[in-house]
N, C-alpha and C. Protein backbone atom coordinates (compact mmCIF):
# COMPACT_ATOMS: atom_id res chain seq x y z
N MET A 1 -21.48 21.03 -2.96
CA MET A 1 -21.24 22.45 -2.85
C MET A 1 -22.55 23.19 -2.60
N LYS A 2 -23.62 22.76 -3.29
CA LYS A 2 -24.92 23.43 -3.11
C LYS A 2 -25.38 23.34 -1.66
N ASN A 3 -25.17 22.16 -1.06
CA ASN A 3 -25.58 21.95 0.33
C ASN A 3 -24.77 22.85 1.27
N LEU A 4 -23.48 23.00 1.02
CA LEU A 4 -22.64 23.87 1.85
C LEU A 4 -23.07 25.33 1.71
N MET A 5 -23.45 25.74 0.52
CA MET A 5 -23.92 27.11 0.31
C MET A 5 -25.28 27.32 0.98
N LYS A 6 -26.15 26.33 0.88
CA LYS A 6 -27.47 26.42 1.49
C LYS A 6 -27.36 26.59 3.00
N ARG A 7 -26.39 25.91 3.60
CA ARG A 7 -26.19 26.02 5.05
C ARG A 7 -25.25 27.17 5.40
N THR A 8 -24.89 27.99 4.43
CA THR A 8 -24.01 29.16 4.56
C THR A 8 -22.64 28.83 5.18
N ILE A 9 -22.17 27.61 4.90
CA ILE A 9 -20.81 27.25 5.32
C ILE A 9 -19.82 27.89 4.35
N VAL A 10 -20.19 27.91 3.07
CA VAL A 10 -19.43 28.66 2.07
C VAL A 10 -20.38 29.64 1.40
N THR A 11 -19.84 30.72 0.91
CA THR A 11 -20.70 31.75 0.33
C THR A 11 -20.68 31.77 -1.19
N THR A 12 -19.76 31.04 -1.79
CA THR A 12 -19.69 31.00 -3.25
C THR A 12 -19.26 29.61 -3.70
N SER A 13 -19.66 29.25 -4.89
CA SER A 13 -19.24 27.96 -5.44
C SER A 13 -18.02 28.11 -6.33
N ILE A 14 -17.53 29.34 -6.48
CA ILE A 14 -16.37 29.60 -7.35
C ILE A 14 -15.10 29.13 -6.64
N TYR A 15 -14.25 28.43 -7.39
CA TYR A 15 -13.00 27.91 -6.85
C TYR A 15 -12.05 29.08 -6.57
N SER A 16 -11.64 29.22 -5.34
CA SER A 16 -10.85 30.39 -4.92
C SER A 16 -9.44 30.40 -5.50
N HIS A 17 -8.96 29.28 -5.99
CA HIS A 17 -7.60 29.23 -6.54
C HIS A 17 -7.50 30.02 -7.85
N CYS A 18 -8.57 29.95 -8.65
CA CYS A 18 -8.55 30.67 -9.93
C CYS A 18 -9.61 31.76 -10.00
N ASN A 19 -10.61 31.70 -9.14
CA ASN A 19 -11.72 32.67 -9.11
C ASN A 19 -12.45 32.77 -10.44
N LYS A 20 -12.58 31.65 -11.16
CA LYS A 20 -13.23 31.69 -12.47
C LYS A 20 -14.35 30.68 -12.62
N GLU A 21 -14.18 29.49 -12.09
CA GLU A 21 -15.12 28.39 -12.36
C GLU A 21 -15.65 27.83 -11.04
N PRO A 22 -16.80 27.14 -11.10
CA PRO A 22 -17.31 26.46 -9.89
C PRO A 22 -16.32 25.40 -9.41
N LYS A 23 -16.29 25.23 -8.11
CA LYS A 23 -15.36 24.28 -7.51
C LYS A 23 -15.95 22.87 -7.59
N THR A 24 -15.56 22.13 -8.60
CA THR A 24 -15.93 20.73 -8.75
C THR A 24 -14.63 19.92 -8.72
N THR A 25 -14.75 18.65 -8.46
CA THR A 25 -13.56 17.80 -8.45
C THR A 25 -12.86 17.86 -9.80
N LEU A 26 -13.63 17.81 -10.87
CA LEU A 26 -13.06 17.86 -12.22
C LEU A 26 -12.31 19.17 -12.44
N HIS A 27 -12.89 20.28 -12.00
CA HIS A 27 -12.22 21.56 -12.20
C HIS A 27 -10.95 21.65 -11.34
N VAL A 28 -11.07 21.30 -10.06
CA VAL A 28 -9.93 21.42 -9.14
C VAL A 28 -8.76 20.55 -9.59
N LEU A 29 -9.05 19.34 -10.06
CA LEU A 29 -7.97 18.41 -10.39
C LEU A 29 -7.58 18.39 -11.87
N TRP A 30 -8.39 19.01 -12.74
CA TRP A 30 -8.08 18.87 -14.16
C TRP A 30 -8.18 20.16 -14.96
N TYR A 31 -9.30 20.85 -14.90
CA TYR A 31 -9.53 21.99 -15.79
C TYR A 31 -8.96 23.32 -15.32
N CYS A 32 -8.74 23.49 -14.05
CA CYS A 32 -8.28 24.79 -13.56
C CYS A 32 -7.01 25.21 -14.29
N GLU A 33 -7.03 26.43 -14.81
CA GLU A 33 -5.88 26.92 -15.59
C GLU A 33 -4.59 26.95 -14.77
N LYS A 34 -4.73 26.99 -13.45
CA LYS A 34 -3.54 27.04 -12.59
C LYS A 34 -2.79 25.71 -12.57
N ILE A 35 -3.48 24.62 -12.93
CA ILE A 35 -2.82 23.31 -12.85
C ILE A 35 -2.60 22.64 -14.20
N THR A 36 -3.05 23.23 -15.28
CA THR A 36 -2.86 22.60 -16.59
C THR A 36 -1.38 22.37 -16.90
N SER A 37 -0.53 23.26 -16.41
CA SER A 37 0.91 23.08 -16.65
C SER A 37 1.44 21.83 -15.95
N VAL A 38 0.85 21.46 -14.82
CA VAL A 38 1.27 20.25 -14.11
C VAL A 38 1.01 19.03 -15.00
N TRP A 39 -0.20 18.98 -15.59
CA TRP A 39 -0.55 17.83 -16.43
C TRP A 39 0.28 17.82 -17.72
N GLN A 40 0.51 18.99 -18.30
CA GLN A 40 1.31 19.04 -19.52
C GLN A 40 2.75 18.63 -19.24
N GLN A 41 3.28 19.05 -18.11
CA GLN A 41 4.64 18.69 -17.73
C GLN A 41 4.74 17.18 -17.48
N ALA A 42 3.71 16.60 -16.91
CA ALA A 42 3.73 15.17 -16.58
C ALA A 42 3.47 14.28 -17.78
N PHE A 43 2.53 14.68 -18.65
CA PHE A 43 2.10 13.80 -19.73
C PHE A 43 2.26 14.39 -21.12
N GLY A 44 2.84 15.56 -21.25
CA GLY A 44 3.03 16.17 -22.56
C GLY A 44 1.76 16.80 -23.09
N VAL A 45 1.70 17.02 -24.38
CA VAL A 45 0.54 17.64 -25.01
C VAL A 45 -0.64 16.69 -24.91
N LEU A 46 -1.77 17.22 -24.45
CA LEU A 46 -2.95 16.38 -24.24
C LEU A 46 -3.91 16.49 -25.41
N ASN A 47 -4.49 15.40 -25.77
CA ASN A 47 -5.48 15.32 -26.84
C ASN A 47 -6.70 16.17 -26.47
N SER A 48 -7.36 16.75 -27.45
CA SER A 48 -8.50 17.62 -27.18
C SER A 48 -9.64 16.90 -26.47
N VAL A 49 -9.70 15.57 -26.59
CA VAL A 49 -10.76 14.82 -25.92
C VAL A 49 -10.66 14.99 -24.40
N PHE A 50 -9.46 15.25 -23.90
CA PHE A 50 -9.27 15.44 -22.47
C PHE A 50 -9.87 16.77 -21.98
N TYR A 51 -10.23 17.64 -22.91
CA TYR A 51 -10.80 18.93 -22.52
C TYR A 51 -12.29 19.03 -22.78
N SER A 52 -12.93 17.89 -23.07
CA SER A 52 -14.38 17.91 -23.30
C SER A 52 -15.11 16.97 -22.35
N LEU A 53 -14.57 16.83 -21.15
CA LEU A 53 -15.15 15.91 -20.16
C LEU A 53 -16.21 16.62 -19.33
N THR A 54 -17.17 15.85 -18.83
CA THR A 54 -18.23 16.45 -18.02
C THR A 54 -18.18 16.04 -16.55
N SER A 55 -17.36 15.04 -16.22
CA SER A 55 -17.26 14.62 -14.82
C SER A 55 -15.89 14.00 -14.56
N PHE A 56 -15.55 13.93 -13.30
CA PHE A 56 -14.28 13.31 -12.93
C PHE A 56 -14.31 11.82 -13.27
N ALA A 57 -15.48 11.19 -13.17
CA ALA A 57 -15.62 9.78 -13.54
C ALA A 57 -15.27 9.57 -15.01
N ASN A 58 -15.69 10.53 -15.88
CA ASN A 58 -15.32 10.47 -17.31
C ASN A 58 -13.81 10.54 -17.48
N LEU A 59 -13.18 11.40 -16.70
CA LEU A 59 -11.73 11.54 -16.76
C LEU A 59 -11.05 10.23 -16.36
N LEU A 60 -11.53 9.61 -15.29
CA LEU A 60 -10.94 8.34 -14.85
C LEU A 60 -11.10 7.26 -15.92
N ASP A 61 -12.27 7.21 -16.57
CA ASP A 61 -12.48 6.25 -17.65
C ASP A 61 -11.51 6.50 -18.79
N LEU A 62 -11.32 7.76 -19.13
CA LEU A 62 -10.42 8.11 -20.23
C LEU A 62 -8.97 7.77 -19.88
N VAL A 63 -8.58 8.05 -18.66
CA VAL A 63 -7.21 7.74 -18.22
C VAL A 63 -6.98 6.23 -18.28
N SER A 64 -7.94 5.45 -17.81
CA SER A 64 -7.75 3.99 -17.79
C SER A 64 -7.71 3.40 -19.20
N SER A 65 -8.30 4.08 -20.18
CA SER A 65 -8.28 3.55 -21.55
C SER A 65 -7.20 4.20 -22.42
N SER A 66 -6.38 5.07 -21.83
CA SER A 66 -5.33 5.74 -22.59
C SER A 66 -3.97 5.19 -22.18
N ASN A 67 -2.92 5.83 -22.67
CA ASN A 67 -1.57 5.39 -22.33
C ASN A 67 -1.05 6.08 -21.06
N PHE A 68 -1.91 6.76 -20.34
CA PHE A 68 -1.51 7.37 -19.06
C PHE A 68 -1.19 6.26 -18.07
N ASN A 69 -0.21 6.48 -17.23
CA ASN A 69 0.07 5.55 -16.15
C ASN A 69 -0.91 5.87 -15.02
N PRO A 70 -1.82 4.96 -14.68
CA PRO A 70 -2.84 5.27 -13.68
C PRO A 70 -2.26 5.57 -12.29
N ASP A 71 -1.15 4.92 -11.92
CA ASP A 71 -0.53 5.20 -10.62
C ASP A 71 0.00 6.62 -10.58
N LEU A 72 0.68 7.02 -11.66
CA LEU A 72 1.23 8.37 -11.74
C LEU A 72 0.11 9.40 -11.75
N PHE A 73 -0.94 9.13 -12.51
CA PHE A 73 -2.10 10.03 -12.56
C PHE A 73 -2.69 10.22 -11.16
N THR A 74 -2.87 9.10 -10.44
CA THR A 74 -3.45 9.16 -9.10
C THR A 74 -2.57 9.94 -8.14
N MET A 75 -1.26 9.75 -8.25
CA MET A 75 -0.34 10.48 -7.37
C MET A 75 -0.39 11.98 -7.63
N ILE A 76 -0.47 12.35 -8.90
CA ILE A 76 -0.55 13.78 -9.21
C ILE A 76 -1.85 14.36 -8.65
N CYS A 77 -2.96 13.65 -8.83
CA CYS A 77 -4.23 14.11 -8.25
C CYS A 77 -4.09 14.30 -6.75
N TRP A 78 -3.44 13.34 -6.09
CA TRP A 78 -3.26 13.43 -4.64
C TRP A 78 -2.45 14.68 -4.27
N PHE A 79 -1.34 14.92 -4.99
CA PHE A 79 -0.51 16.10 -4.68
C PHE A 79 -1.28 17.40 -4.91
N ILE A 80 -2.07 17.46 -5.97
CA ILE A 80 -2.87 18.68 -6.23
C ILE A 80 -3.89 18.88 -5.11
N TRP A 81 -4.57 17.82 -4.72
CA TRP A 81 -5.59 17.93 -3.67
C TRP A 81 -4.94 18.28 -2.34
N GLN A 82 -3.78 17.67 -2.06
CA GLN A 82 -3.07 17.99 -0.82
C GLN A 82 -2.65 19.46 -0.80
N LYS A 83 -2.16 19.95 -1.93
CA LYS A 83 -1.75 21.36 -2.03
C LYS A 83 -2.94 22.26 -1.73
N ARG A 84 -4.08 21.94 -2.29
CA ARG A 84 -5.31 22.72 -2.05
C ARG A 84 -5.66 22.73 -0.57
N ASN A 85 -5.64 21.56 0.06
CA ASN A 85 -6.00 21.46 1.49
C ASN A 85 -5.00 22.22 2.37
N LYS A 86 -3.72 22.08 2.07
CA LYS A 86 -2.71 22.77 2.87
C LYS A 86 -2.82 24.28 2.70
N ALA A 87 -3.09 24.73 1.50
CA ALA A 87 -3.25 26.17 1.26
C ALA A 87 -4.43 26.71 2.07
N ARG A 88 -5.52 25.95 2.11
CA ARG A 88 -6.70 26.37 2.90
C ARG A 88 -6.37 26.46 4.38
N ALA A 89 -5.46 25.58 4.86
CA ALA A 89 -5.10 25.55 6.27
C ALA A 89 -3.88 26.45 6.56
N HIS A 90 -3.44 27.19 5.54
CA HIS A 90 -2.30 28.09 5.66
C HIS A 90 -1.03 27.36 6.07
N GLU A 91 -0.84 26.14 5.54
CA GLU A 91 0.36 25.36 5.79
C GLU A 91 1.28 25.48 4.58
N PRO A 92 2.58 25.22 4.75
CA PRO A 92 3.50 25.26 3.61
C PRO A 92 3.08 24.25 2.55
N VAL A 93 3.18 24.65 1.29
CA VAL A 93 2.74 23.79 0.20
C VAL A 93 3.86 23.57 -0.80
N LEU A 94 3.77 22.46 -1.52
CA LEU A 94 4.69 22.16 -2.60
C LEU A 94 4.30 23.03 -3.79
N PRO A 95 5.24 23.79 -4.35
CA PRO A 95 4.89 24.60 -5.52
C PRO A 95 4.38 23.73 -6.67
N LEU A 96 3.41 24.23 -7.40
CA LEU A 96 2.83 23.48 -8.52
C LEU A 96 3.90 23.00 -9.49
N ALA A 97 4.89 23.83 -9.76
CA ALA A 97 5.94 23.47 -10.71
C ALA A 97 6.74 22.25 -10.25
N ASN A 98 6.74 21.97 -8.95
CA ASN A 98 7.51 20.83 -8.42
C ASN A 98 6.70 19.54 -8.36
N ILE A 99 5.40 19.62 -8.56
CA ILE A 99 4.55 18.43 -8.43
C ILE A 99 4.95 17.33 -9.41
N PRO A 100 5.14 17.59 -10.70
CA PRO A 100 5.49 16.48 -11.61
C PRO A 100 6.79 15.76 -11.22
N ALA A 101 7.84 16.49 -10.89
CA ALA A 101 9.11 15.86 -10.53
C ALA A 101 8.98 15.08 -9.22
N THR A 102 8.31 15.67 -8.24
CA THR A 102 8.12 14.99 -6.95
C THR A 102 7.30 13.73 -7.14
N THR A 103 6.28 13.83 -7.98
CA THR A 103 5.44 12.66 -8.26
C THR A 103 6.25 11.57 -8.94
N ARG A 104 7.07 11.93 -9.92
CA ARG A 104 7.89 10.93 -10.61
C ARG A 104 8.84 10.24 -9.62
N ASP A 105 9.45 11.02 -8.73
CA ASP A 105 10.35 10.44 -7.72
C ASP A 105 9.59 9.46 -6.82
N ASN A 106 8.42 9.89 -6.35
CA ASN A 106 7.62 9.02 -5.49
C ASN A 106 7.16 7.78 -6.24
N HIS A 107 6.83 7.95 -7.51
CA HIS A 107 6.37 6.82 -8.32
C HIS A 107 7.50 5.81 -8.52
N ARG A 108 8.70 6.30 -8.77
CA ARG A 108 9.86 5.41 -8.91
C ARG A 108 10.08 4.61 -7.61
N GLU A 109 9.98 5.30 -6.49
CA GLU A 109 10.14 4.64 -5.20
C GLU A 109 9.04 3.60 -5.00
N PHE A 110 7.81 3.94 -5.37
CA PHE A 110 6.68 3.01 -5.28
C PHE A 110 6.97 1.77 -6.13
N GLN A 111 7.43 1.96 -7.36
CA GLN A 111 7.72 0.83 -8.24
C GLN A 111 8.86 -0.02 -7.68
N ARG A 112 9.88 0.63 -7.14
CA ARG A 112 11.02 -0.09 -6.57
C ARG A 112 10.54 -1.00 -5.43
N LEU A 113 9.66 -0.48 -4.59
CA LEU A 113 9.15 -1.27 -3.47
C LEU A 113 8.25 -2.41 -3.95
N GLN A 114 7.54 -2.20 -5.06
CA GLN A 114 6.67 -3.24 -5.59
C GLN A 114 7.48 -4.40 -6.16
N LEU A 115 8.71 -4.11 -6.62
CA LEU A 115 9.55 -5.13 -7.23
C LEU A 115 10.30 -5.97 -6.20
N LYS A 116 10.34 -5.51 -4.95
CA LYS A 116 11.03 -6.27 -3.91
C LYS A 116 10.32 -7.61 -3.74
N PRO A 117 11.11 -8.69 -3.65
CA PRO A 117 10.46 -9.99 -3.42
C PRO A 117 9.83 -10.03 -2.03
N HIS A 118 8.66 -10.57 -1.97
CA HIS A 118 7.95 -10.69 -0.70
C HIS A 118 8.18 -12.08 -0.13
N ASP A 119 8.52 -12.15 1.11
CA ASP A 119 8.72 -13.43 1.77
C ASP A 119 7.36 -14.04 2.07
N THR A 120 7.03 -15.10 1.37
CA THR A 120 5.72 -15.73 1.55
C THR A 120 5.80 -16.94 2.48
N SER A 121 7.00 -17.26 2.97
CA SER A 121 7.12 -18.40 3.87
C SER A 121 6.53 -18.04 5.23
N ARG A 122 5.98 -19.02 5.85
CA ARG A 122 5.39 -18.82 7.18
C ARG A 122 6.50 -18.90 8.21
N PRO A 123 6.39 -18.12 9.27
CA PRO A 123 7.42 -18.20 10.30
C PRO A 123 7.41 -19.59 10.94
N LYS A 124 8.60 -20.05 11.28
CA LYS A 124 8.72 -21.37 11.89
C LYS A 124 8.05 -21.38 13.25
N GLN A 125 7.18 -22.34 13.44
CA GLN A 125 6.47 -22.47 14.70
C GLN A 125 7.37 -23.22 15.68
N GLU A 126 7.59 -22.63 16.84
CA GLU A 126 8.37 -23.29 17.87
C GLU A 126 7.43 -24.19 18.66
N VAL A 127 7.85 -25.42 18.89
CA VAL A 127 7.07 -26.38 19.65
C VAL A 127 7.78 -26.63 20.97
N TRP A 128 7.02 -26.52 22.04
CA TRP A 128 7.61 -26.73 23.36
C TRP A 128 7.99 -28.19 23.51
N LYS A 129 9.18 -28.42 24.05
CA LYS A 129 9.65 -29.78 24.30
C LYS A 129 9.92 -29.92 25.79
N PRO A 130 9.51 -31.03 26.38
CA PRO A 130 9.77 -31.21 27.80
C PRO A 130 11.27 -31.38 28.06
N PRO A 131 11.70 -31.07 29.28
CA PRO A 131 13.12 -31.24 29.62
C PRO A 131 13.48 -32.72 29.79
N ASP A 132 14.75 -32.96 29.95
CA ASP A 132 15.23 -34.33 30.18
C ASP A 132 14.64 -34.87 31.49
N THR A 133 14.68 -36.18 31.64
CA THR A 133 14.17 -36.84 32.83
C THR A 133 14.84 -36.28 34.08
N ASN A 134 14.06 -36.14 35.13
CA ASN A 134 14.50 -35.64 36.44
C ASN A 134 14.99 -34.20 36.41
N THR A 135 14.56 -33.41 35.43
CA THR A 135 14.88 -31.98 35.41
C THR A 135 13.60 -31.20 35.18
N TRP A 136 13.66 -29.95 35.48
CA TRP A 136 12.52 -29.05 35.26
C TRP A 136 12.93 -28.02 34.22
N LYS A 137 11.93 -27.53 33.55
CA LYS A 137 12.18 -26.49 32.54
C LYS A 137 11.38 -25.25 32.90
N THR A 138 12.05 -24.11 32.86
CA THR A 138 11.41 -22.84 33.17
C THR A 138 11.21 -22.04 31.89
N ASN A 139 9.99 -21.62 31.65
CA ASN A 139 9.68 -20.72 30.54
C ASN A 139 9.13 -19.44 31.13
N PHE A 140 9.59 -18.31 30.61
CA PHE A 140 9.09 -17.03 31.12
C PHE A 140 8.90 -16.06 29.98
N ASP A 141 8.09 -15.08 30.24
CA ASP A 141 7.82 -14.04 29.24
C ASP A 141 7.47 -12.76 29.98
N GLY A 142 7.63 -11.68 29.31
CA GLY A 142 7.29 -10.38 29.90
C GLY A 142 6.55 -9.52 28.90
N ALA A 143 5.78 -8.60 29.42
CA ALA A 143 5.05 -7.64 28.59
C ALA A 143 5.13 -6.28 29.25
N MET A 144 5.25 -5.25 28.43
CA MET A 144 5.34 -3.89 28.96
C MET A 144 4.08 -3.13 28.59
N PHE A 145 3.50 -2.43 29.57
CA PHE A 145 2.31 -1.62 29.38
C PHE A 145 2.67 -0.18 29.71
N GLU A 146 3.23 0.51 28.70
CA GLU A 146 3.76 1.85 28.93
C GLU A 146 2.68 2.82 29.39
N ASP A 147 1.46 2.68 28.85
CA ASP A 147 0.39 3.61 29.22
C ASP A 147 0.00 3.47 30.69
N LEU A 148 0.25 2.30 31.30
CA LEU A 148 -0.05 2.08 32.71
C LEU A 148 1.19 2.20 33.59
N ASN A 149 2.36 2.39 32.95
CA ASN A 149 3.64 2.44 33.65
C ASN A 149 3.88 1.14 34.42
N GLU A 150 3.49 0.01 33.80
CA GLU A 150 3.64 -1.29 34.42
C GLU A 150 4.19 -2.29 33.42
N ALA A 151 4.70 -3.37 33.96
CA ALA A 151 5.12 -4.50 33.14
C ALA A 151 4.54 -5.74 33.81
N GLY A 152 4.47 -6.80 33.07
CA GLY A 152 4.01 -8.06 33.63
C GLY A 152 5.00 -9.14 33.29
N ILE A 153 5.22 -10.04 34.23
CA ILE A 153 6.07 -11.19 33.95
C ILE A 153 5.28 -12.43 34.29
N GLY A 154 5.53 -13.46 33.53
CA GLY A 154 4.86 -14.73 33.77
C GLY A 154 5.87 -15.85 33.64
N VAL A 155 5.72 -16.86 34.50
CA VAL A 155 6.67 -17.96 34.55
C VAL A 155 5.89 -19.26 34.69
N VAL A 156 6.35 -20.28 33.98
CA VAL A 156 5.80 -21.62 34.13
C VAL A 156 6.98 -22.57 34.26
N VAL A 157 6.94 -23.41 35.28
CA VAL A 157 7.97 -24.42 35.48
C VAL A 157 7.31 -25.78 35.31
N ARG A 158 7.88 -26.62 34.44
CA ARG A 158 7.30 -27.94 34.16
C ARG A 158 8.35 -29.02 34.40
N ASN A 159 7.85 -30.20 34.74
CA ASN A 159 8.75 -31.34 34.91
C ASN A 159 8.94 -32.06 33.59
N SER A 160 9.66 -33.18 33.62
CA SER A 160 9.98 -33.89 32.38
C SER A 160 8.76 -34.53 31.73
N LYS A 161 7.64 -34.62 32.45
CA LYS A 161 6.39 -35.13 31.87
C LYS A 161 5.55 -33.99 31.28
N GLY A 162 6.02 -32.75 31.43
CA GLY A 162 5.29 -31.60 30.94
C GLY A 162 4.27 -31.07 31.92
N GLU A 163 4.26 -31.62 33.13
CA GLU A 163 3.29 -31.19 34.15
C GLU A 163 3.75 -29.87 34.76
N VAL A 164 2.79 -28.98 35.00
CA VAL A 164 3.11 -27.69 35.61
C VAL A 164 3.43 -27.92 37.07
N MET A 165 4.62 -27.51 37.47
CA MET A 165 5.05 -27.63 38.86
C MET A 165 4.85 -26.30 39.59
N VAL A 166 5.12 -25.20 38.90
CA VAL A 166 4.97 -23.86 39.46
C VAL A 166 4.51 -22.94 38.34
N ALA A 167 3.59 -22.06 38.65
CA ALA A 167 3.18 -21.01 37.71
C ALA A 167 3.14 -19.70 38.48
N PHE A 168 3.56 -18.65 37.85
CA PHE A 168 3.70 -17.39 38.55
C PHE A 168 3.49 -16.26 37.55
N SER A 169 2.76 -15.25 37.96
CA SER A 169 2.66 -14.03 37.16
C SER A 169 2.55 -12.85 38.12
N GLU A 170 3.11 -11.73 37.70
CA GLU A 170 3.10 -10.58 38.58
C GLU A 170 3.23 -9.30 37.76
N LYS A 171 2.58 -8.26 38.25
CA LYS A 171 2.77 -6.93 37.68
C LYS A 171 3.88 -6.26 38.45
N ILE A 172 4.72 -5.54 37.72
CA ILE A 172 5.80 -4.79 38.36
C ILE A 172 5.81 -3.39 37.79
N ILE A 173 6.51 -2.48 38.44
CA ILE A 173 6.67 -1.12 37.91
C ILE A 173 7.45 -1.23 36.61
N LEU A 174 7.07 -0.44 35.63
CA LEU A 174 7.67 -0.50 34.31
C LEU A 174 9.17 -0.23 34.37
N PRO A 175 9.99 -1.22 33.99
CA PRO A 175 11.43 -0.98 33.93
C PRO A 175 11.77 -0.22 32.66
N PRO A 176 12.97 0.37 32.59
CA PRO A 176 13.33 1.13 31.40
C PRO A 176 13.46 0.28 30.13
N THR A 177 13.75 -1.02 30.27
CA THR A 177 13.88 -1.87 29.08
C THR A 177 13.35 -3.26 29.38
N VAL A 178 13.12 -4.03 28.32
CA VAL A 178 12.69 -5.41 28.46
C VAL A 178 13.78 -6.24 29.12
N VAL A 179 15.03 -5.91 28.86
CA VAL A 179 16.15 -6.66 29.41
C VAL A 179 16.06 -6.69 30.93
N ILE A 180 15.67 -5.58 31.53
CA ILE A 180 15.57 -5.53 32.99
C ILE A 180 14.47 -6.46 33.47
N THR A 181 13.38 -6.58 32.72
CA THR A 181 12.32 -7.52 33.08
C THR A 181 12.88 -8.93 33.10
N THR A 182 13.68 -9.29 32.10
CA THR A 182 14.30 -10.60 32.03
C THR A 182 15.25 -10.81 33.21
N LEU A 183 16.08 -9.81 33.48
CA LEU A 183 17.02 -9.91 34.60
C LEU A 183 16.27 -10.03 35.92
N PHE A 184 15.14 -9.34 36.04
CA PHE A 184 14.33 -9.42 37.25
C PHE A 184 13.96 -10.87 37.52
N TRP A 185 13.51 -11.58 36.48
CA TRP A 185 13.12 -12.97 36.69
C TRP A 185 14.32 -13.82 37.07
N LYS A 186 15.44 -13.65 36.41
CA LYS A 186 16.61 -14.48 36.69
C LYS A 186 17.07 -14.32 38.13
N ASP A 187 16.92 -13.13 38.70
CA ASP A 187 17.37 -12.86 40.06
C ASP A 187 16.23 -12.88 41.07
N TYR A 188 15.03 -13.32 40.65
CA TYR A 188 13.87 -13.28 41.54
C TYR A 188 14.08 -14.26 42.70
N PRO A 189 13.82 -13.82 43.95
CA PRO A 189 13.98 -14.71 45.11
C PRO A 189 13.11 -15.96 44.94
N GLY A 190 13.66 -17.10 45.22
CA GLY A 190 12.92 -18.34 45.10
C GLY A 190 13.05 -18.98 43.73
N ASN A 191 13.74 -18.32 42.81
CA ASN A 191 13.94 -18.89 41.49
C ASN A 191 15.01 -19.97 41.61
N TYR A 192 14.68 -21.15 41.20
CA TYR A 192 15.64 -22.23 41.34
C TYR A 192 15.56 -23.16 40.14
N TYR A 193 16.65 -23.84 39.90
CA TYR A 193 16.75 -24.81 38.80
C TYR A 193 17.21 -26.13 39.40
N ASN A 194 16.84 -27.22 38.80
CA ASN A 194 17.32 -28.51 39.26
C ASN A 194 18.39 -29.03 38.31
């Protein structure tokens, strides 16, 4: 804050939300009288030790050693900070009275997602297999490059020994869907199967 004042980016260190105290992280997120109701609503009556802190780091240490839920605490801090930023940008803000309930809802959703089982299995790797004797196998793929309004198709035809008989790649005008790219290859002149 001192540096911003020195460069005259801000003219005062007083927090504009309450116009009483210097704007520090600890004041904005914890001590400001405008937000004490948020913390009381979220965590009930707070012990006096929570009102004798000298830095936000002290507050974090106290939260981690108390019965506060650190995830819920962090979410409330985020909502308060977001409200401050949106108010400065003259954007619609969540009323302070709604922060605890909104935070609890978001926290429940966060916990629900954490409890979902995670699939730790690796995706099955497909291994190319050569075609039967005296036949050829065609493999093709396509890619769409929307920023260039182009698509690319690539084709490889191999015999039963796995030897490349024909290889082909081409850029085409971007079709509306991937399906059209696939259909383009199936109907491409000179496309043949044995």
